[in-house]
């Protein structure tokens, strides 16, 4: 069942226009409309599957964050890069709060990050709606991963992270408000999102894997994230590039654009595009394929 939004899911403005039609290359091959809010700049998928109806759209082998197994070269590389990225994410936690404390990862997948953070001395918890991923997570963390915010213990956290999760949340405003209530007064909330203004997004256009409709309900550029901070009364402290994302997204995009090309050529083109995307972003405007935004309560 599709639900049609009459107001922007971020700022509640009724001023938005249809801008793109994007195909779901991964699962259904259906086409979805992407709108752009004239007030806050958010792009969003509209109409979109309801929270119940969207579940089958996540059922495909390439959705690697819900699985620890390695079945092909792309998945192997994904898991190797994820290990490196997780080390960097734990370092960021430690840099933000050297005394460590309580840490919540919303949309934690199979909990690789939480496991590493716990070993580093953090008291961890996670939220993961997907049953398969949650069961894997809890096999490592002994029941510290919950299916929803409603079942999360009434605890305030030093740091809350949403790594490529905000774009999936149906009840965006409600969820962010609840998460902020779970944040200590001097706590941090970190949100990483794909960037539709990046070089790789502009190059691949309708084939850009970062659209990932209908699983990605929202598409945040820097203007939208600036308005996000204002709407939720947050202070943007820092913005960090997620440089690995440009290569992975370019690899998927190459497959969508040229599905019959030979694998070595696909990897080579993705490597070139990912490198160029990062280089261009470093030179001006910091429009990386994905950015991590570090917020605090005002």
C-alpha atoms as a PDB file:
ATOM      1  CA  UNK A   1       0.000   0.000   0.000  1.00  0.00           C
ATOM      2  CA  UNK A   2       1.318   3.431  -0.968  1.00  0.00           C
ATOM      3  CA  UNK A   3       0.859   6.479   1.236  1.00  0.00           C
ATOM      4  CA  UNK A   4       0.924   9.951  -0.271  1.00  0.00           C
ATOM      5  CA  UNK A   5       2.346  12.780   1.796  1.00  0.00           C
ATOM      6  CA  UNK A   6       0.619  16.141   1.646  1.00  0.00           C
ATOM      7  CA  UNK A   7       3.304  17.949   3.652  1.00  0.00           C
ATOM      8  CA  UNK A   8       7.073  17.817   3.802  1.00  0.00           C
ATOM      9  CA  UNK A   9       8.058  15.159   6.370  1.00  0.00           C
ATOM     10  CA  UNK A  10      10.790  17.432   7.738  1.00  0.00           C
ATOM     11  CA  UNK A  11       9.445  21.011   7.907  1.00  0.00           C
ATOM     12  CA  UNK A  12       5.705  20.323   7.334  1.00  0.00           C
ATOM     13  CA  UNK A  13       5.519  22.769   4.428  1.00  0.00           C
ATOM     14  CA  UNK A  14       2.950  22.055   1.739  1.00  0.00           C
ATOM     15  CA  UNK A  15       5.173  23.631  -0.910  1.00  0.00           C
ATOM     16  CA  UNK A  16       6.896  20.849  -2.828  1.00  0.00           C
ATOM     17  CA  UNK A  17       7.261  19.783  -6.430  1.00  0.00           C
ATOM     18  CA  UNK A  18       7.876  16.509  -8.228  1.00  0.00           C
ATOM     19  CA  UNK A  19      11.464  16.563  -9.488  1.00  0.00           C
ATOM     20  CA  UNK A  20      12.537  13.039 -10.471  1.00  0.00           C
ATOM     21  CA  UNK A  21      11.285   9.570 -11.300  1.00  0.00           C
ATOM     22  CA  UNK A  22      13.642   6.877  -9.987  1.00  0.00           C
ATOM     23  CA  UNK A  23      13.522   3.134 -10.568  1.00  0.00           C
ATOM     24  CA  UNK A  24      13.983   0.601  -7.779  1.00  0.00           C
ATOM     25  CA  UNK A  25      16.838  -1.254  -9.470  1.00  0.00           C
ATOM     26  CA  UNK A  26      17.468  -3.593  -6.529  1.00  0.00           C
ATOM     27  CA  UNK A  27      14.148  -5.333  -5.950  1.00  0.00           C
ATOM     28  CA  UNK A  28      10.834  -4.404  -7.511  1.00  0.00           C
ATOM     29  CA  UNK A  29      11.854  -2.534 -10.691  1.00  0.00           C
ATOM     30  CA  UNK A  30       8.979  -0.157  -9.887  1.00  0.00           C
ATOM     31  CA  UNK A  31       9.353   3.587 -10.450  1.00  0.00           C
ATOM     32  CA  UNK A  32       8.930   6.111  -7.621  1.00  0.00           C
ATOM     33  CA  UNK A  33       8.600   9.888  -7.632  1.00  0.00           C
ATOM     34  CA  UNK A  34      11.033  12.083  -5.694  1.00  0.00           C
ATOM     35  CA  UNK A  35       9.712  15.492  -4.597  1.00  0.00           C
ATOM     36  CA  UNK A  36      11.658  18.545  -3.446  1.00  0.00           C
ATOM     37  CA  UNK A  37      10.445  20.775  -0.625  1.00  0.00           C
ATOM     38  CA  UNK A  38      10.606  24.425  -1.662  1.00  0.00           C
ATOM     39  CA  UNK A  39      10.965  25.528   1.963  1.00  0.00           C
ATOM     40  CA  UNK A  40      13.670  23.333   3.548  1.00  0.00           C
ATOM     41  CA  UNK A  41      15.278  21.701   0.493  1.00  0.00           C
ATOM     42  CA  UNK A  42      14.568  18.103   1.511  1.00  0.00           C
ATOM     43  CA  UNK A  43      13.930  15.654  -1.302  1.00  0.00           C
ATOM     44  CA  UNK A  44      11.591  12.815  -0.386  1.00  0.00           C
ATOM     45  CA  UNK A  45      10.015   9.761  -1.996  1.00  0.00           C
ATOM     46  CA  UNK A  46       6.297  10.415  -2.489  1.00  0.00           C
ATOM     47  CA  UNK A  47       4.104   8.436  -2.607  1.00  0.00           C
ATOM     48  CA  UNK A  48       5.904   5.735  -0.642  1.00  0.00           C
ATOM     49  CA  UNK A  49       5.101   2.272   0.742  1.00  0.00           C
ATOM     50  CA  UNK A  50       3.655   2.277   4.243  1.00  0.00           C
ATOM     51  CA  UNK A  51       5.765   0.999   7.125  1.00  0.00           C
ATOM     52  CA  UNK A  52       4.158  -2.439   6.783  1.00  0.00           C
ATOM     53  CA  UNK A  53       4.224  -2.544   2.985  1.00  0.00           C
ATOM     54  CA  UNK A  54       7.901  -1.602   2.681  1.00  0.00           C
ATOM     55  CA  UNK A  55       9.214  -4.770   4.367  1.00  0.00           C
ATOM     56  CA  UNK A  56       9.476  -6.873   1.140  1.00  0.00           C
ATOM     57  CA  UNK A  57      11.559  -4.132  -0.489  1.00  0.00           C
ATOM     58  CA  UNK A  58      14.403  -4.980   1.913  1.00  0.00           C
ATOM     59  CA  UNK A  59      14.427  -8.636   0.907  1.00  0.00           C
ATOM     60  CA  UNK A  60      17.376  -8.930  -1.449  1.00  0.00           C
ATOM     61  CA  UNK A  61      20.847 -10.518  -1.143  1.00  0.00           C
ATOM     62  CA  UNK A  62      22.765  -7.252  -1.629  1.00  0.00           C
ATOM     63  CA  UNK A  63      21.324  -5.675   1.527  1.00  0.00           C
ATOM     64  CA  UNK A  64      24.596  -6.385   3.311  1.00  0.00           C
ATOM     65  CA  UNK A  65      23.996  -4.538   6.588  1.00  0.00           C
ATOM     66  CA  UNK A  66      21.504  -7.233   7.662  1.00  0.00           C
ATOM     67  CA  UNK A  67      23.881 -10.145   7.095  1.00  0.00           C
ATOM     68  CA  UNK A  68      27.362 -11.151   8.333  1.00  0.00           C
ATOM     69  CA  UNK A  69      27.956 -13.762   5.628  1.00  0.00           C
ATOM     70  CA  UNK A  70      30.209 -13.157   2.607  1.00  0.00           C
ATOM     71  CA  UNK A  71      28.713 -14.506  -0.613  1.00  0.00           C
ATOM     72  CA  UNK A  72      30.513 -12.586  -3.370  1.00  0.00           C
ATOM     73  CA  UNK A  73      33.391 -10.201  -4.053  1.00  0.00           C
ATOM     74  CA  UNK A  74      31.332  -7.048  -3.509  1.00  0.00           C
ATOM     75  CA  UNK A  75      30.091  -8.298  -0.155  1.00  0.00           C
ATOM     76  CA  UNK A  76      33.619  -9.326   0.833  1.00  0.00           C
ATOM     77  CA  UNK A  77      34.930  -5.841   0.043  1.00  0.00           C
ATOM     78  CA  UNK A  78      31.978  -4.264   1.850  1.00  0.00           C
ATOM     79  CA  UNK A  79      32.769  -6.195   5.036  1.00  0.00           C
ATOM     80  CA  UNK A  80      36.499  -5.433   4.833  1.00  0.00           C
ATOM     81  CA  UNK A  81      35.857  -1.716   4.402  1.00  0.00           C
ATOM     82  CA  UNK A  82      33.252  -1.832   7.166  1.00  0.00           C
ATOM     83  CA  UNK A  83      35.904  -3.103   9.584  1.00  0.00           C
ATOM     84  CA  UNK A  84      38.143  -0.139   8.799  1.00  0.00           C
ATOM     85  CA  UNK A  85      35.220   2.286   9.021  1.00  0.00           C
ATOM     86  CA  UNK A  86      34.126   0.878  12.382  1.00  0.00           C
ATOM     87  CA  UNK A  87      37.578   1.500  13.833  1.00  0.00           C
ATOM     88  CA  UNK A  88      37.254   5.125  12.770  1.00  0.00           C
ATOM     89  CA  UNK A  89      33.759   5.398  14.241  1.00  0.00           C
ATOM     90  CA  UNK A  90      34.905   4.102  17.632  1.00  0.00           C
ATOM     91  CA  UNK A  91      37.805   6.545  17.562  1.00  0.00           C
ATOM     92  CA  UNK A  92      35.301   9.353  16.977  1.00  0.00           C
ATOM     93  CA  UNK A  93      33.246   8.198  19.985  1.00  0.00           C
ATOM     94  CA  UNK A  94      36.373   8.258  22.140  1.00  0.00           C
ATOM     95  CA  UNK A  95      37.405  11.672  20.813  1.00  0.00           C
ATOM     96  CA  UNK A  96      33.996  13.146  21.609  1.00  0.00           C
ATOM     97  CA  UNK A  97      33.777  11.585  25.093  1.00  0.00           C
ATOM     98  CA  UNK A  98      37.163  10.500  26.431  1.00  0.00           C
ATOM     99  CA  UNK A  99      35.540   9.369  29.700  1.00  0.00           C
ATOM    100  CA  UNK A 100      33.220   7.144  27.640  1.00  0.00           C
ATOM    101  CA  UNK A 101      29.756   6.340  28.932  1.00  0.00           C
ATOM    102  CA  UNK A 102      26.442   5.226  27.438  1.00  0.00           C
ATOM    103  CA  UNK A 103      26.147   4.793  23.676  1.00  0.00           C
ATOM    104  CA  UNK A 104      23.075   4.033  21.541  1.00  0.00           C
ATOM    105  CA  UNK A 105      23.289   3.064  17.861  1.00  0.00           C
ATOM    106  CA  UNK A 106      19.910   3.452  16.152  1.00  0.00           C
ATOM    107  CA  UNK A 107      19.624   1.058  13.222  1.00  0.00           C
ATOM    108  CA  UNK A 108      22.623  -0.954  14.360  1.00  0.00           C
ATOM    109  CA  UNK A 109      22.261  -3.831  11.881  1.00  0.00           C
ATOM    110  CA  UNK A 110      24.282  -6.826  13.057  1.00  0.00           C
ATOM    111  CA  UNK A 111      25.942  -4.680  15.774  1.00  0.00           C
ATOM    112  CA  UNK A 112      29.550  -4.794  14.592  1.00  0.00           C
ATOM    113  CA  UNK A 113      30.017  -1.189  15.707  1.00  0.00           C
ATOM    114  CA  UNK A 114      28.422  -1.786  19.107  1.00  0.00           C
ATOM    115  CA  UNK A 115      30.612  -4.830  19.741  1.00  0.00           C
ATOM    116  CA  UNK A 116      33.752  -2.821  18.990  1.00  0.00           C
ATOM    117  CA  UNK A 117      32.548   0.095  21.135  1.00  0.00           C
ATOM    118  CA  UNK A 118      31.777  -2.224  24.045  1.00  0.00           C
ATOM    119  CA  UNK A 119      35.303  -3.649  23.860  1.00  0.00           C
ATOM    120  CA  UNK A 120      36.587  -0.066  24.003  1.00  0.00           C
ATOM    121  CA  UNK A 121      34.753   0.497  27.289  1.00  0.00           C
ATOM    122  CA  UNK A 122      31.395   1.915  26.253  1.00  0.00           C
ATOM    123  CA  UNK A 123      28.082   0.812  27.792  1.00  0.00           C
ATOM    124  CA  UNK A 124      26.132   0.030  24.628  1.00  0.00           C
ATOM    125  CA  UNK A 125      22.592  -0.478  23.372  1.00  0.00           C
ATOM    126  CA  UNK A 126      21.063  -0.684  19.923  1.00  0.00           C
ATOM    127  CA  UNK A 127      17.799  -0.427  18.003  1.00  0.00           C
ATOM    128  CA  UNK A 128      17.293  -2.705  14.996  1.00  0.00           C
ATOM    129  CA  UNK A 129      13.806  -3.316  13.508  1.00  0.00           C
ATOM    130  CA  UNK A 130      14.923  -6.122  11.173  1.00  0.00           C
ATOM    131  CA  UNK A 131      14.461  -9.424  13.012  1.00  0.00           C
ATOM    132  CA  UNK A 132      17.258 -11.295  11.211  1.00  0.00           C
ATOM    133  CA  UNK A 133      19.841  -8.585  11.880  1.00  0.00           C
ATOM    134  CA  UNK A 134      18.588  -8.057  15.450  1.00  0.00           C
ATOM    135  CA  UNK A 135      18.898 -11.734  16.304  1.00  0.00           C
ATOM    136  CA  UNK A 136      22.471 -11.757  15.013  1.00  0.00           C
ATOM    137  CA  UNK A 137      23.198  -8.612  17.037  1.00  0.00           C
ATOM    138  CA  UNK A 138      21.780 -10.057  20.239  1.00  0.00           C
ATOM    139  CA  UNK A 139      23.784 -13.246  19.808  1.00  0.00           C
ATOM    140  CA  UNK A 140      26.826 -10.997  20.273  1.00  0.00           C
ATOM    141  CA  UNK A 141      25.452  -8.543  22.830  1.00  0.00           C
ATOM    142  CA  UNK A 142      23.162 -10.657  25.031  1.00  0.00           C
ATOM    143  CA  UNK A 143      19.887  -8.811  24.618  1.00  0.00           C
ATOM    144  CA  UNK A 144      21.158  -5.236  24.378  1.00  0.00           C
ATOM    145  CA  UNK A 145      19.546  -4.641  20.983  1.00  0.00           C
ATOM    146  CA  UNK A 146      15.836  -3.756  20.875  1.00  0.00           C
ATOM    147  CA  UNK A 147      13.275  -3.775  18.098  1.00  0.00           C
ATOM    148  CA  UNK A 148      11.946  -0.244  18.696  1.00  0.00           C
ATOM    149  CA  UNK A 149      12.358   2.892  20.771  1.00  0.00           C
ATOM    150  CA  UNK A 150       9.220   1.921  22.663  1.00  0.00           C
ATOM    151  CA  UNK A 151      11.040  -1.042  24.196  1.00  0.00           C
ATOM    152  CA  UNK A 152      14.247   0.846  24.967  1.00  0.00           C
ATOM    153  CA  UNK A 153      14.950   1.296  28.711  1.00  0.00           C
ATOM    154  CA  UNK A 154      14.479   4.826  30.053  1.00  0.00           C
ATOM    155  CA  UNK A 155      18.157   5.720  29.892  1.00  0.00           C
ATOM    156  CA  UNK A 156      19.908   8.888  28.710  1.00  0.00           C
ATOM    157  CA  UNK A 157      22.910   8.462  26.444  1.00  0.00           C
ATOM    158  CA  UNK A 158      26.180  10.332  25.981  1.00  0.00           C
ATOM    159  CA  UNK A 159      26.188   9.622  22.248  1.00  0.00           C
ATOM    160  CA  UNK A 160      23.497   8.457  19.829  1.00  0.00           C
ATOM    161  CA  UNK A 161      24.360   7.562  16.234  1.00  0.00           C
ATOM    162  CA  UNK A 162      22.315   7.014  13.089  1.00  0.00           C
ATOM    163  CA  UNK A 163      24.608   5.769  10.351  1.00  0.00           C
ATOM    164  CA  UNK A 164      22.617   5.705   7.111  1.00  0.00           C
ATOM    165  CA  UNK A 165      19.397   5.252   9.047  1.00  0.00           C
ATOM    166  CA  UNK A 166      17.593   8.607   9.104  1.00  0.00           C
ATOM    167  CA  UNK A 167      16.646   8.206   5.446  1.00  0.00           C
ATOM    168  CA  UNK A 168      14.727   5.012   6.295  1.00  0.00           C
ATOM    169  CA  UNK A 169      12.540   6.243   9.183  1.00  0.00           C
ATOM    170  CA  UNK A 170       8.833   6.625   8.383  1.00  0.00           C
ATOM    171  CA  UNK A 171       7.998   8.729  11.449  1.00  0.00           C
ATOM    172  CA  UNK A 172      11.011  10.989  11.055  1.00  0.00           C
ATOM    173  CA  UNK A 173      10.088  13.942  13.278  1.00  0.00           C
ATOM    174  CA  UNK A 174       8.617  11.805  16.048  1.00  0.00           C
ATOM    175  CA  UNK A 175      11.623   9.462  16.103  1.00  0.00           C
ATOM    176  CA  UNK A 176      14.227  12.242  16.154  1.00  0.00           C
ATOM    177  CA  UNK A 177      12.381  14.025  18.973  1.00  0.00           C
ATOM    178  CA  UNK A 178      12.327  10.825  21.055  1.00  0.00           C
ATOM    179  CA  UNK A 179      16.016  10.210  20.404  1.00  0.00           C
ATOM    180  CA  UNK A 180      16.881  13.744  21.499  1.00  0.00           C
ATOM    181  CA  UNK A 181      14.926  13.140  24.728  1.00  0.00           C
ATOM    182  CA  UNK A 182      17.185  10.111  25.318  1.00  0.00           C
ATOM    183  CA  UNK A 183      20.272  12.332  24.945  1.00  0.00           C
ATOM    184  CA  UNK A 184      22.089  13.794  27.932  1.00  0.00           C
ATOM    185  CA  UNK A 185      22.231  17.582  28.112  1.00  0.00           C
ATOM    186  CA  UNK A 186      25.887  17.510  27.004  1.00  0.00           C
ATOM    187  CA  UNK A 187      25.430  14.553  24.663  1.00  0.00           C
ATOM    188  CA  UNK A 188      25.994  14.239  20.925  1.00  0.00           C
ATOM    189  CA  UNK A 189      23.804  12.909  18.134  1.00  0.00           C
ATOM    190  CA  UNK A 190      25.609  11.847  14.941  1.00  0.00           C
ATOM    191  CA  UNK A 191      23.713  11.430  11.675  1.00  0.00           C
ATOM    192  CA  UNK A 192      25.222  10.123   8.420  1.00  0.00           C
ATOM    193  CA  UNK A 193      23.223  10.440   5.194  1.00  0.00           C
ATOM    194  CA  UNK A 194      23.823  10.094   1.433  1.00  0.00           C
ATOM    195  CA  UNK A 195      24.188  13.378  -0.430  1.00  0.00           C
ATOM    196  CA  UNK A 196      22.193  13.880  -3.660  1.00  0.00           C
ATOM    197  CA  UNK A 197      24.373  16.911  -4.496  1.00  0.00           C
ATOM    198  CA  UNK A 198      27.618  14.887  -4.623  1.00  0.00           C
ATOM    199  CA  UNK A 199      29.595  14.418  -7.832  1.00  0.00           C
ATOM    200  CA  UNK A 200      28.721  10.723  -8.068  1.00  0.00           C
ATOM    201  CA  UNK A 201      25.012  11.512  -7.591  1.00  0.00           C
ATOM    202  CA  UNK A 202      25.111  14.095 -10.357  1.00  0.00           C
ATOM    203  CA  UNK A 203      27.111  11.820 -12.671  1.00  0.00           C
ATOM    204  CA  UNK A 204      24.866   8.779 -12.367  1.00  0.00           C
ATOM    205  CA  UNK A 205      21.599  10.730 -12.210  1.00  0.00           C
ATOM    206  CA  UNK A 206      18.597   8.407 -12.085  1.00  0.00           C
ATOM    207  CA  UNK A 207      20.968   5.417 -11.806  1.00  0.00           C
ATOM    208  CA  UNK A 208      22.640   6.704  -8.628  1.00  0.00           C
ATOM    209  CA  UNK A 209      22.413   3.950  -6.015  1.00  0.00           C
ATOM    210  CA  UNK A 210      22.105   6.519  -3.234  1.00  0.00           C
ATOM    211  CA  UNK A 211      18.489   7.169  -4.209  1.00  0.00           C
ATOM    212  CA  UNK A 212      17.687   3.553  -3.263  1.00  0.00           C
ATOM    213  CA  UNK A 213      13.942   4.087  -3.567  1.00  0.00           C
ATOM    214  CA  UNK A 214      11.658   3.208  -1.916  1.00  0.00           C
ATOM    215  CA  UNK A 215      13.889   2.143   1.007  1.00  0.00           C
ATOM    216  CA  UNK A 216      15.307   5.674   1.183  1.00  0.00           C
ATOM    217  CA  UNK A 217      12.333   7.821   2.058  1.00  0.00           C
ATOM    218  CA  UNK A 218      14.376  11.036   2.306  1.00  0.00           C
ATOM    219  CA  UNK A 219      17.325  12.495   0.417  1.00  0.00           C
ATOM    220  CA  UNK A 220      19.233  15.082   2.480  1.00  0.00           C
ATOM    221  CA  UNK A 221      21.550  17.649   0.945  1.00  0.00           C
ATOM    222  CA  UNK A 222      23.466  20.147   3.079  1.00  0.00           C
ATOM    223  CA  UNK A 223      20.644  22.707   2.964  1.00  0.00           C
ATOM    224  CA  UNK A 224      18.192  20.116   4.288  1.00  0.00           C
ATOM    225  CA  UNK A 225      20.569  19.129   7.096  1.00  0.00           C
ATOM    226  CA  UNK A 226      21.056  22.760   8.079  1.00  0.00           C
ATOM    227  CA  UNK A 227      17.279  23.131   8.342  1.00  0.00           C
ATOM    228  CA  UNK A 228      17.141  19.800  10.182  1.00  0.00           C
ATOM    229  CA  UNK A 229      19.361  21.293  12.897  1.00  0.00           C
ATOM    230  CA  UNK A 230      17.151  24.365  13.201  1.00  0.00           C
ATOM    231  CA  UNK A 231      13.901  22.376  13.321  1.00  0.00           C
ATOM    232  CA  UNK A 232      15.133  20.105  16.135  1.00  0.00           C
ATOM    233  CA  UNK A 233      16.975  22.864  18.006  1.00  0.00           C
ATOM    234  CA  UNK A 234      20.389  21.275  17.498  1.00  0.00           C
ATOM    235  CA  UNK A 235      23.800  22.867  17.088  1.00  0.00           C
ATOM    236  CA  UNK A 236      25.882  21.589  14.182  1.00  0.00           C
ATOM    237  CA  UNK A 237      29.395  21.162  15.574  1.00  0.00           C
ATOM    238  CA  UNK A 238      31.137  19.367  12.754  1.00  0.00           C
ATOM    239  CA  UNK A 239      30.685  17.720   9.391  1.00  0.00           C
ATOM    240  CA  UNK A 240      32.875  14.789   8.388  1.00  0.00           C
ATOM    241  CA  UNK A 241      33.256  13.031   5.024  1.00  0.00           C
ATOM    242  CA  UNK A 242      32.485   9.337   4.632  1.00  0.00           C
ATOM    243  CA  UNK A 243      34.939   8.746   1.819  1.00  0.00           C
ATOM    244  CA  UNK A 244      34.453   5.000   1.419  1.00  0.00           C
ATOM    245  CA  UNK A 245      30.810   5.528   0.458  1.00  0.00           C
ATOM    246  CA  UNK A 246      31.623   7.110  -2.903  1.00  0.00           C
ATOM    247  CA  UNK A 247      33.308   3.895  -4.091  1.00  0.00           C
ATOM    248  CA  UNK A 248      30.573   1.535  -2.908  1.00  0.00           C
ATOM    249  CA  UNK A 249      27.750   3.711  -4.242  1.00  0.00           C
ATOM    250  CA  UNK A 250      29.584   4.152  -7.551  1.00  0.00           C
ATOM    251  CA  UNK A 251      30.023   0.393  -7.837  1.00  0.00           C
ATOM    252  CA  UNK A 252      26.302  -0.222  -7.371  1.00  0.00           C
ATOM    253  CA  UNK A 253      25.461   2.664  -9.705  1.00  0.00           C
ATOM    254  CA  UNK A 254      27.692   1.221 -12.436  1.00  0.00           C
ATOM    255  CA  UNK A 255      25.769  -2.041 -12.147  1.00  0.00           C
ATOM    256  CA  UNK A 256      22.433  -0.246 -12.454  1.00  0.00           C
ATOM    257  CA  UNK A 257      23.542   1.876 -15.419  1.00  0.00           C
ATOM    258  CA  UNK A 258      25.414  -0.826 -17.343  1.00  0.00           C
ATOM    259  CA  UNK A 259      24.235  -4.221 -16.036  1.00  0.00           C
ATOM    260  CA  UNK A 260      25.984  -6.195 -18.796  1.00  0.00           C
ATOM    261  CA  UNK A 261      29.453  -4.677 -18.467  1.00  0.00           C
ATOM    262  CA  UNK A 262      32.323  -6.910 -17.444  1.00  0.00           C
ATOM    263  CA  UNK A 263      33.127  -7.017 -13.734  1.00  0.00           C
ATOM    264  CA  UNK A 264      36.729  -5.694 -13.968  1.00  0.00           C
ATOM    265  CA  UNK A 265      35.513  -2.707 -15.980  1.00  0.00           C
ATOM    266  CA  UNK A 266      32.701  -2.043 -13.494  1.00  0.00           C
ATOM    267  CA  UNK A 267      35.142  -1.995 -10.583  1.00  0.00           C
ATOM    268  CA  UNK A 268      37.604   0.205 -12.459  1.00  0.00           C
ATOM    269  CA  UNK A 269      34.953   2.769 -13.399  1.00  0.00           C
ATOM    270  CA  UNK A 270      33.620   2.808  -9.833  1.00  0.00           C
ATOM    271  CA  UNK A 271      37.132   3.368  -8.498  1.00  0.00           C
ATOM    272  CA  UNK A 272      37.674   6.312 -10.847  1.00  0.00           C
ATOM    273  CA  UNK A 273      34.308   7.888 -10.083  1.00  0.00           C
ATOM    274  CA  UNK A 274      34.638   7.402  -6.323  1.00  0.00           C
ATOM    275  CA  UNK A 275      38.082   9.000  -6.361  1.00  0.00           C
ATOM    276  CA  UNK A 276      36.917  11.933  -8.459  1.00  0.00           C
ATOM    277  CA  UNK A 277      33.882  12.453  -6.215  1.00  0.00           C
ATOM    278  CA  UNK A 278      36.056  12.667  -3.105  1.00  0.00           C
ATOM    279  CA  UNK A 279      38.578  14.923  -4.840  1.00  0.00           C
ATOM    280  CA  UNK A 280      35.921  17.370  -6.024  1.00  0.00           C
ATOM    281  CA  UNK A 281      34.270  17.419  -2.596  1.00  0.00           C
ATOM    282  CA  UNK A 282      37.585  18.187  -0.908  1.00  0.00           C
ATOM    283  CA  UNK A 283      38.126  21.168  -3.199  1.00  0.00           C
ATOM    284  CA  UNK A 284      34.783  22.930  -2.732  1.00  0.00           C
ATOM    285  CA  UNK A 285      31.544  22.753  -0.738  1.00  0.00           C
ATOM    286  CA  UNK A 286      32.346  19.384   0.896  1.00  0.00           C
ATOM    287  CA  UNK A 287      29.659  17.629  -1.118  1.00  0.00           C
ATOM    288  CA  UNK A 288      30.898  14.109  -0.417  1.00  0.00           C
ATOM    289  CA  UNK A 289      28.847  11.088  -1.438  1.00  0.00           C
ATOM    290  CA  UNK A 290      27.865  10.829   2.229  1.00  0.00           C
ATOM    291  CA  UNK A 291      28.493  13.227   5.101  1.00  0.00           C
ATOM    292  CA  UNK A 292      28.419  12.645   8.845  1.00  0.00           C
ATOM    293  CA  UNK A 293      26.866  15.514  10.821  1.00  0.00           C
ATOM    294  CA  UNK A 294      27.810  15.938  14.489  1.00  0.00           C
ATOM    295  CA  UNK A 295      25.134  17.717  16.545  1.00  0.00           C
ATOM    296  CA  UNK A 296      24.654  18.778  20.158  1.00  0.00           C
ATOM    297  CA  UNK A 297      21.609  20.133  21.941  1.00  0.00           C
ATOM    298  CA  UNK A 298      21.536  23.936  21.969  1.00  0.00           C
END
